[in-house]
Structure formats: C-alpha cells, structure tokens
Amino acid sequence: MVNLTLTDHNGKYWARFVRSMHEWIIVYVDEENNLRANHNLHFSGLTFLKLHYKMTEKQKIELIAAKDQSYTPA
C-alpha cells in the first residue's frame, strides 16, 4: 500500500492512499561488502517496476576512477 502525493494544475498538493499498489525495499550487504538495495513496485498484483541499487563510498569511486581513466562517475 502506497500513499501517493501529487500536485494539481494550480500547484496545490494532494495525497491519495492507493490500496492496490505495494512497494518493497530490501537493503543488504553483498559478498563484496557493497551496500545494495532491491526496490520493487507492484500494482494490482503485477510487478511494474524493479530497481536495483549499488551504493559505494565516494573514496571507492575515486580509487576506481584513478585506476581506470575511462571511468566517469554519474
């Protein structure tokens, strides 16, 4: 169940509880000690969005970039 917040054409906010929408976020540490998350959204029993996150420390990204000159962080 998800609480959906939107704005109308006048810029006013409104919210609606959507009973048929469900969201799960599972956060874990993988075998390489990276923080990850799986984020799934379901609507009326059907999966409509799956996101997979990998979170790394800024220092690690800078070290990777220093080793691999073709790497450009987003």
C-alpha atoms as a PDB file:
ATOM      1  CA  MET A   1       0.000   0.000   0.000  1.00  0.00           C
ATOM      2  CA  VAL A   2       1.384   3.366  -1.047  1.00  0.00           C
ATOM      3  CA  ASN A   3       0.492   6.927  -0.171  1.00  0.00           C
ATOM      4  CA  LEU A   4       0.673   8.889  -3.443  1.00  0.00           C
ATOM      5  CA  THR A   5       1.310  12.655  -3.347  1.00  0.00           C
ATOM      6  CA  LEU A   6       0.682  14.817  -6.434  1.00  0.00           C
ATOM      7  CA  THR A   7       0.161  18.444  -7.411  1.00  0.00           C
ATOM      8  CA  ASP A   8      -2.776  19.745  -9.420  1.00  0.00           C
ATOM      9  CA  HIS A   9      -2.701  22.376 -12.186  1.00  0.00           C
ATOM     10  CA  ASN A  10      -2.861  25.149  -9.527  1.00  0.00           C
ATOM     11  CA  GLY A  11       0.229  23.814  -7.745  1.00  0.00           C
ATOM     12  CA  LYS A  12      -1.774  22.524  -4.765  1.00  0.00           C
ATOM     13  CA  TYR A  13      -0.649  19.252  -3.216  1.00  0.00           C
ATOM     14  CA  TRP A  14      -3.000  16.373  -2.622  1.00  0.00           C
ATOM     15  CA  ALA A  15      -2.491  12.794  -1.472  1.00  0.00           C
ATOM     16  CA  ARG A  16      -4.287   9.541  -2.044  1.00  0.00           C
ATOM     17  CA  PHE A  17      -3.799   6.176  -0.427  1.00  0.00           C
ATOM     18  CA  VAL A  18      -3.511   3.546  -3.176  1.00  0.00           C
ATOM     19  CA  ARG A  19      -4.524   0.192  -1.715  1.00  0.00           C
ATOM     20  CA  SER A  20      -3.707  -1.793  -4.889  1.00  0.00           C
ATOM     21  CA  MET A  21      -0.099  -0.509  -5.028  1.00  0.00           C
ATOM     22  CA  HIS A  22       2.591  -2.221  -2.953  1.00  0.00           C
ATOM     23  CA  GLU A  23       6.251  -1.347  -2.548  1.00  0.00           C
ATOM     24  CA  TRP A  24       9.168  -3.325  -1.085  1.00  0.00           C
ATOM     25  CA  ILE A  25      12.709  -2.143  -0.464  1.00  0.00           C
ATOM     26  CA  ILE A  26      15.221  -4.734   0.688  1.00  0.00           C
ATOM     27  CA  VAL A  27      18.617  -3.371   1.766  1.00  0.00           C
ATOM     28  CA  TYR A  28      21.575  -5.732   2.187  1.00  0.00           C
ATOM     29  CA  VAL A  29      25.368  -6.049   2.048  1.00  0.00           C
ATOM     30  CA  ASP A  30      26.662  -8.272  -0.778  1.00  0.00           C
ATOM     31  CA  GLU A  31      29.604 -10.706  -0.738  1.00  0.00           C
ATOM     32  CA  GLU A  32      31.997  -7.895  -1.779  1.00  0.00           C
ATOM     33  CA  ASN A  33      30.841  -5.747   1.182  1.00  0.00           C
ATOM     34  CA  ASN A  34      28.857  -3.311  -1.024  1.00  0.00           C
ATOM     35  CA  LEU A  35      25.593  -1.866   0.237  1.00  0.00           C
ATOM     36  CA  ARG A  36      22.772  -2.755  -2.170  1.00  0.00           C
ATOM     37  CA  ALA A  37      19.009  -2.452  -2.356  1.00  0.00           C
ATOM     38  CA  ASN A  38      16.255  -4.110  -4.349  1.00  0.00           C
ATOM     39  CA  HIS A  39      13.212  -1.891  -4.848  1.00  0.00           C
ATOM     40  CA  ASN A  40      10.038  -3.468  -6.246  1.00  0.00           C
ATOM     41  CA  LEU A  41       6.679  -1.883  -7.046  1.00  0.00           C
ATOM     42  CA  HIS A  42       3.515  -3.870  -7.719  1.00  0.00           C
ATOM     43  CA  PHE A  43       0.141  -2.623  -8.927  1.00  0.00           C
ATOM     44  CA  SER A  44      -2.923  -4.855  -8.746  1.00  0.00           C
ATOM     45  CA  GLY A  45      -0.718  -7.904  -8.204  1.00  0.00           C
ATOM     46  CA  LEU A  46       1.568  -7.225 -11.190  1.00  0.00           C
ATOM     47  CA  THR A  47       5.193  -6.135 -10.935  1.00  0.00           C
ATOM     48  CA  PHE A  48       5.616  -2.931 -12.933  1.00  0.00           C
ATOM     49  CA  LEU A  49       8.994  -1.648 -11.722  1.00  0.00           C
ATOM     50  CA  LYS A  50      12.144  -3.273 -10.334  1.00  0.00           C
ATOM     51  CA  LEU A  51      15.142  -1.171  -9.370  1.00  0.00           C
ATOM     52  CA  HIS A  52      18.491  -2.440  -8.137  1.00  0.00           C
ATOM     53  CA  TYR A  53      20.826  -0.046  -6.341  1.00  0.00           C
ATOM     54  CA  LYS A  54      24.523  -0.332  -5.540  1.00  0.00           C
ATOM     55  CA  MET A  55      25.813   2.237  -3.073  1.00  0.00           C
ATOM     56  CA  THR A  56      29.537   2.812  -2.729  1.00  0.00           C
ATOM     57  CA  GLU A  57      31.594   5.211  -0.676  1.00  0.00           C
ATOM     58  CA  LYS A  58      32.928   8.239  -2.514  1.00  0.00           C
ATOM     59  CA  GLN A  59      36.523   7.187  -1.719  1.00  0.00           C
ATOM     60  CA  LYS A  60      35.994   3.871  -3.507  1.00  0.00           C
ATOM     61  CA  ILE A  61      34.672   5.644  -6.592  1.00  0.00           C
ATOM     62  CA  GLU A  62      37.674   7.981  -6.659  1.00  0.00           C
ATOM     63  CA  LEU A  63      40.044   4.985  -6.374  1.00  0.00           C
ATOM     64  CA  ILE A  64      38.273   3.208  -9.252  1.00  0.00           C
ATOM     65  CA  ALA A  65      38.470   6.371 -11.366  1.00  0.00           C
ATOM     66  CA  ALA A  66      42.188   6.730 -10.616  1.00  0.00           C
ATOM     67  CA  LYS A  67      42.842   3.144 -11.749  1.00  0.00           C
ATOM     68  CA  ASP A  68      40.580   3.274 -14.809  1.00  0.00           C
ATOM     69  CA  GLN A  69      40.824   6.593 -16.652  1.00  0.00           C
ATOM     70  CA  SER A  70      37.800   5.701 -18.828  1.00  0.00           C
ATOM     71  CA  TYR A  71      35.516   5.556 -15.745  1.00  0.00           C
ATOM     72  CA  THR A  72      33.344   8.648 -15.220  1.00  0.00           C
ATOM     73  CA  PRO A  73      31.023   8.692 -12.182  1.00  0.00           C
ATOM     74  CA  ALA A  74      27.442   9.854 -12.776  1.00  0.00           C
END
